[in-house]
C-alpha atoms as a PDB file:
ATOM      1  CA  UNK A   1      12.680 102.736 158.099  1.00  0.00           C
ATOM      2  CA  UNK A   2      11.913  99.605 156.082  1.00  0.00           C
ATOM      3  CA  UNK A   3      12.906  96.284 157.572  1.00  0.00           C
ATOM      4  CA  UNK A   4      15.622  94.360 155.782  1.00  0.00           C
ATOM      5  CA  UNK A   5      14.215  91.581 153.574  1.00  0.00           C
ATOM      6  CA  UNK A   6      14.603  88.142 155.090  1.00  0.00           C
ATOM      7  CA  UNK A   7      17.493  86.313 153.508  1.00  0.00           C
ATOM      8  CA  UNK A   8      16.509  82.822 152.412  1.00  0.00           C
ATOM      9  CA  UNK A   9      19.347  80.435 151.852  1.00  0.00           C
ATOM     10  CA  UNK A  10      19.161  77.218 149.904  1.00  0.00           C
ATOM     11  CA  UNK A  11      20.982  74.053 150.743  1.00  0.00           C
ATOM     12  CA  UNK A  12      24.236  73.913 148.848  1.00  0.00           C
ATOM     13  CA  UNK A  13      24.995  70.748 146.898  1.00  0.00           C
ATOM     14  CA  UNK A  14      28.432  69.257 146.905  1.00  0.00           C
ATOM     15  CA  UNK A  15      30.037  66.037 145.735  1.00  0.00           C
ATOM     16  CA  UNK A  16      29.607  64.381 149.153  1.00  0.00           C
ATOM     17  CA  UNK A  17      25.865  65.010 149.216  1.00  0.00           C
ATOM     18  CA  UNK A  18      25.494  63.709 145.679  1.00  0.00           C
ATOM     19  CA  UNK A  19      27.494  60.537 146.418  1.00  0.00           C
ATOM     20  CA  UNK A  20      25.564  59.822 149.641  1.00  0.00           C
ATOM     21  CA  UNK A  21      22.279  60.058 147.745  1.00  0.00           C
ATOM     22  CA  UNK A  22      21.112  62.987 149.846  1.00  0.00           C
ATOM     23  CA  UNK A  23      19.582  64.659 146.833  1.00  0.00           C
ATOM     24  CA  UNK A  24      16.320  64.204 145.029  1.00  0.00           C
ATOM     25  CA  UNK A  25      16.082  64.355 141.259  1.00  0.00           C
ATOM     26  CA  UNK A  26      13.556  63.419 138.653  1.00  0.00           C
ATOM     27  CA  UNK A  27      14.319  62.297 135.151  1.00  0.00           C
ATOM     28  CA  UNK A  28      11.527  62.928 132.706  1.00  0.00           C
ATOM     29  CA  UNK A  29      11.465  62.341 128.983  1.00  0.00           C
ATOM     30  CA  UNK A  30       8.607  64.359 127.500  1.00  0.00           C
ATOM     31  CA  UNK A  31       6.570  62.946 124.646  1.00  0.00           C
ATOM     32  CA  UNK A  32       6.449  65.972 122.451  1.00  0.00           C
ATOM     33  CA  UNK A  33       4.144  65.741 119.473  1.00  0.00           C
ATOM     34  CA  UNK A  34       3.254  68.427 117.052  1.00  0.00           C
ATOM     35  CA  UNK A  35       1.413  68.852 113.830  1.00  0.00           C
ATOM     36  CA  UNK A  36       2.577  71.002 110.966  1.00  0.00           C
ATOM     37  CA  UNK A  37      -0.058  72.423 108.701  1.00  0.00           C
ATOM     38  CA  UNK A  38       1.227  73.901 105.495  1.00  0.00           C
ATOM     39  CA  UNK A  39      -2.125  75.417 104.651  1.00  0.00           C
ATOM     40  CA  UNK A  40      -4.234  75.090 101.537  1.00  0.00           C
ATOM     41  CA  UNK A  41      -1.903  76.811  99.054  1.00  0.00           C
ATOM     42  CA  UNK A  42       1.399  75.237 100.045  1.00  0.00           C
ATOM     43  CA  UNK A  43      -0.195  71.809 100.555  1.00  0.00           C
ATOM     44  CA  UNK A  44      -1.372  71.818  96.943  1.00  0.00           C
ATOM     45  CA  UNK A  45       1.972  73.237  95.764  1.00  0.00           C
ATOM     46  CA  UNK A  46       3.862  70.391  97.480  1.00  0.00           C
ATOM     47  CA  UNK A  47       1.453  67.749  96.132  1.00  0.00           C
ATOM     48  CA  UNK A  48       1.989  69.075  92.604  1.00  0.00           C
ATOM     49  CA  UNK A  49       5.769  69.072  93.063  1.00  0.00           C
ATOM     50  CA  UNK A  50       5.529  65.372  93.911  1.00  0.00           C
ATOM     51  CA  UNK A  51       3.830  64.887  90.517  1.00  0.00           C
ATOM     52  CA  UNK A  52       6.517  66.882  88.709  1.00  0.00           C
ATOM     53  CA  UNK A  53       4.444  70.038  88.158  1.00  0.00           C
ATOM     54  CA  UNK A  54       4.657  73.649  89.291  1.00  0.00           C
ATOM     55  CA  UNK A  55       1.423  75.378  90.258  1.00  0.00           C
ATOM     56  CA  UNK A  56       0.666  78.987  91.160  1.00  0.00           C
ATOM     57  CA  UNK A  57      -2.335  81.151  92.114  1.00  0.00           C
ATOM     58  CA  UNK A  58      -3.658  84.083  90.132  1.00  0.00           C
ATOM     59  CA  UNK A  59      -5.140  87.385  91.270  1.00  0.00           C
ATOM     60  CA  UNK A  60      -7.425  88.857  88.608  1.00  0.00           C
ATOM     61  CA  UNK A  61      -7.489  92.284  90.243  1.00  0.00           C
ATOM     62  CA  UNK A  62      -3.694  92.688  90.280  1.00  0.00           C
ATOM     63  CA  UNK A  63      -3.284  90.564  87.158  1.00  0.00           C
ATOM     64  CA  UNK A  64      -0.543  88.535  88.833  1.00  0.00           C
ATOM     65  CA  UNK A  65       0.334  84.850  88.855  1.00  0.00           C
ATOM     66  CA  UNK A  66       2.074  84.051  92.133  1.00  0.00           C
ATOM     67  CA  UNK A  67       4.511  81.270  92.926  1.00  0.00           C
ATOM     68  CA  UNK A  68       4.853  79.967  95.561  1.00  0.00           C
ATOM     69  CA  UNK A  69       1.058  80.154  95.636  1.00  0.00           C
ATOM     70  CA  UNK A  70      -0.912  81.970  98.315  1.00  0.00           C
ATOM     71  CA  UNK A  71      -4.629  82.068  99.024  1.00  0.00           C
ATOM     72  CA  UNK A  72      -4.700  85.851  99.380  1.00  0.00           C
ATOM     73  CA  UNK A  73      -3.041  88.646  97.456  1.00  0.00           C
ATOM     74  CA  UNK A  74      -0.672  90.685  99.582  1.00  0.00           C
ATOM     75  CA  UNK A  75      -1.073  93.669  97.251  1.00  0.00           C
ATOM     76  CA  UNK A  76      -4.856  94.087  97.197  1.00  0.00           C
ATOM     77  CA  UNK A  77      -5.700  92.005 100.316  1.00  0.00           C
ATOM     78  CA  UNK A  78      -8.315  89.858  98.629  1.00  0.00           C
ATOM     79  CA  UNK A  79      -8.567  86.111  98.037  1.00  0.00           C
ATOM     80  CA  UNK A  80      -6.728  84.843  94.983  1.00  0.00           C
ATOM     81  CA  UNK A  81      -8.919  83.522  92.192  1.00  0.00           C
ATOM     82  CA  UNK A  82      -7.664  80.291  90.673  1.00  0.00           C
ATOM     83  CA  UNK A  83      -4.937  77.685  90.333  1.00  0.00           C
ATOM     84  CA  UNK A  84      -2.618  78.080  87.344  1.00  0.00           C
ATOM     85  CA  UNK A  85      -0.017  75.593  86.121  1.00  0.00           C
ATOM     86  CA  UNK A  86       3.250  77.264  85.193  1.00  0.00           C
ATOM     87  CA  UNK A  87       6.259  75.904  83.330  1.00  0.00           C
ATOM     88  CA  UNK A  88       9.265  74.218  84.868  1.00  0.00           C
ATOM     89  CA  UNK A  89      11.502  76.668  83.054  1.00  0.00           C
ATOM     90  CA  UNK A  90      12.519  80.174  83.964  1.00  0.00           C
ATOM     91  CA  UNK A  91      15.272  82.738  84.175  1.00  0.00           C
ATOM     92  CA  UNK A  92      17.849  83.442  86.843  1.00  0.00           C
ATOM     93  CA  UNK A  93      16.621  86.538  88.686  1.00  0.00           C
ATOM     94  CA  UNK A  94      19.580  86.689  91.070  1.00  0.00           C
ATOM     95  CA  UNK A  95      22.265  84.275  92.253  1.00  0.00           C
ATOM     96  CA  UNK A  96      25.246  83.850  94.523  1.00  0.00           C
ATOM     97  CA  UNK A  97      28.425  81.793  94.518  1.00  0.00           C
ATOM     98  CA  UNK A  98      28.699  80.051  97.896  1.00  0.00           C
ATOM     99  CA  UNK A  99      32.053  78.639  98.951  1.00  0.00           C
ATOM    100  CA  UNK A 100      30.662  77.436 102.282  1.00  0.00           C
ATOM    101  CA  UNK A 101      28.080  74.653 102.472  1.00  0.00           C
ATOM    102  CA  UNK A 102      24.922  74.699 104.586  1.00  0.00           C
ATOM    103  CA  UNK A 103      26.783  72.719 107.271  1.00  0.00           C
ATOM    104  CA  UNK A 104      29.698  75.196 107.258  1.00  0.00           C
ATOM    105  CA  UNK A 105      32.220  73.204 105.243  1.00  0.00           C
ATOM    106  CA  UNK A 106      34.551  74.989 102.852  1.00  0.00           C
ATOM    107  CA  UNK A 107      33.877  74.108  99.216  1.00  0.00           C
ATOM    108  CA  UNK A 108      36.477  74.059  96.448  1.00  0.00           C
ATOM    109  CA  UNK A 109      33.750  74.434  93.817  1.00  0.00           C
ATOM    110  CA  UNK A 110      30.976  76.816  94.841  1.00  0.00           C
ATOM    111  CA  UNK A 111      27.305  75.967  95.056  1.00  0.00           C
ATOM    112  CA  UNK A 112      25.099  78.336  93.085  1.00  0.00           C
ATOM    113  CA  UNK A 113      21.875  79.237  94.884  1.00  0.00           C
ATOM    114  CA  UNK A 114      19.596  81.322  92.702  1.00  0.00           C
ATOM    115  CA  UNK A 115      16.125  82.791  92.626  1.00  0.00           C
ATOM    116  CA  UNK A 116      14.486  81.363  89.521  1.00  0.00           C
ATOM    117  CA  UNK A 117      11.796  83.569  87.970  1.00  0.00           C
ATOM    118  CA  UNK A 118       9.310  80.973  86.710  1.00  0.00           C
ATOM    119  CA  UNK A 119       7.938  81.119  83.155  1.00  0.00           C
ATOM    120  CA  UNK A 120       4.181  81.670  83.307  1.00  0.00           C
ATOM    121  CA  UNK A 121       4.345  83.492  86.653  1.00  0.00           C
ATOM    122  CA  UNK A 122       4.442  87.255  87.075  1.00  0.00           C
ATOM    123  CA  UNK A 123       7.790  89.059  86.820  1.00  0.00           C
ATOM    124  CA  UNK A 124       9.678  88.853  90.086  1.00  0.00           C
ATOM    125  CA  UNK A 125       7.841  85.679  91.162  1.00  0.00           C
ATOM    126  CA  UNK A 126      10.047  82.701  91.663  1.00  0.00           C
ATOM    127  CA  UNK A 127      11.624  80.153  93.931  1.00  0.00           C
ATOM    128  CA  UNK A 128      15.018  79.820  95.570  1.00  0.00           C
ATOM    129  CA  UNK A 129      16.908  76.747  94.432  1.00  0.00           C
ATOM    130  CA  UNK A 130      20.309  75.620  93.217  1.00  0.00           C
ATOM    131  CA  UNK A 131      21.751  75.811  89.698  1.00  0.00           C
ATOM    132  CA  UNK A 132      24.130  73.086  88.473  1.00  0.00           C
ATOM    133  CA  UNK A 133      25.750  71.877  85.242  1.00  0.00           C
ATOM    134  CA  UNK A 134      27.422  75.235  84.596  1.00  0.00           C
ATOM    135  CA  UNK A 135      30.783  76.747  85.484  1.00  0.00           C
ATOM    136  CA  UNK A 136      30.427  79.421  88.185  1.00  0.00           C
ATOM    137  CA  UNK A 137      31.952  82.104  85.952  1.00  0.00           C
ATOM    138  CA  UNK A 138      29.353  81.457  83.220  1.00  0.00           C
ATOM    139  CA  UNK A 139      26.194  82.053  85.316  1.00  0.00           C
ATOM    140  CA  UNK A 140      24.330  85.234  84.397  1.00  0.00           C
ATOM    141  CA  UNK A 141      21.212  87.052  85.521  1.00  0.00           C
ATOM    142  CA  UNK A 142      18.534  86.447  82.888  1.00  0.00           C
ATOM    143  CA  UNK A 143      19.972  83.043  81.908  1.00  0.00           C
ATOM    144  CA  UNK A 144      17.272  80.555  80.849  1.00  0.00           C
ATOM    145  CA  UNK A 145      17.114  77.424  83.026  1.00  0.00           C
ATOM    146  CA  UNK A 146      15.043  74.250  83.287  1.00  0.00           C
ATOM    147  CA  UNK A 147      14.149  72.136  86.327  1.00  0.00           C
ATOM    148  CA  UNK A 148      15.763  68.722  86.578  1.00  0.00           C
ATOM    149  CA  UNK A 149      13.300  66.540  88.496  1.00  0.00           C
ATOM    150  CA  UNK A 150      14.158  63.653  90.770  1.00  0.00           C
ATOM    151  CA  UNK A 151      12.822  60.287  89.588  1.00  0.00           C
ATOM    152  CA  UNK A 152       9.114  59.955  90.424  1.00  0.00           C
ATOM    153  CA  UNK A 153       9.759  57.140  92.925  1.00  0.00           C
ATOM    154  CA  UNK A 154      12.106  59.400  94.921  1.00  0.00           C
ATOM    155  CA  UNK A 155       9.819  62.441  95.168  1.00  0.00           C
ATOM    156  CA  UNK A 156       8.386  63.277  98.569  1.00  0.00           C
ATOM    157  CA  UNK A 157       6.308  66.418  98.032  1.00  0.00           C
ATOM    158  CA  UNK A 158       9.064  68.939  98.692  1.00  0.00           C
ATOM    159  CA  UNK A 159      10.888  71.645  96.755  1.00  0.00           C
ATOM    160  CA  UNK A 160      13.776  69.148  96.743  1.00  0.00           C
ATOM    161  CA  UNK A 161      11.721  67.066  94.275  1.00  0.00           C
ATOM    162  CA  UNK A 162      13.449  69.385  91.833  1.00  0.00           C
ATOM    163  CA  UNK A 163      17.020  68.099  92.079  1.00  0.00           C
ATOM    164  CA  UNK A 164      18.437  71.305  90.585  1.00  0.00           C
ATOM    165  CA  UNK A 165      18.050  73.768  87.702  1.00  0.00           C
ATOM    166  CA  UNK A 166      20.338  73.721  84.686  1.00  0.00           C
ATOM    167  CA  UNK A 167      20.865  76.095  81.785  1.00  0.00           C
ATOM    168  CA  UNK A 168      18.780  75.586  78.653  1.00  0.00           C
ATOM    169  CA  UNK A 169      21.023  75.206  75.648  1.00  0.00           C
ATOM    170  CA  UNK A 170      19.870  77.274  72.689  1.00  0.00           C
END
């Protein structure tokens, strides 16, 4: 027969012990530091956004131009070949009407997030952003749009350097 395990009891804390200072505690504020490395492709992409340009990478084997850029092709598993500037125009690939904001507030007028298929990139290649300057009921898949850039002095090297996309009037 196995012996019963020894029961170890802790010392219970109560309000009296806390008030009498019969407890020991340590307060520690850690100095947490970290570095974020976006990598070669996204670093260049962000730097170009700050200058008001869109850049992609091409794969000669697959004959694709990829945006956002990557340093390897996920189809043929080889390094991509070169940097390619693409236009700041495109077509709406897909979209949604969102009546709830990112911070969970109800919206009377919906925001319109959309995947924009970029002109000069391969079909299906694009970026997620927001479309403005159009009534929600008028947005269509395939609609031509153009980037509206923030003023140069307000750009920070982020996808938000594009303020929004708006329809191109024909």
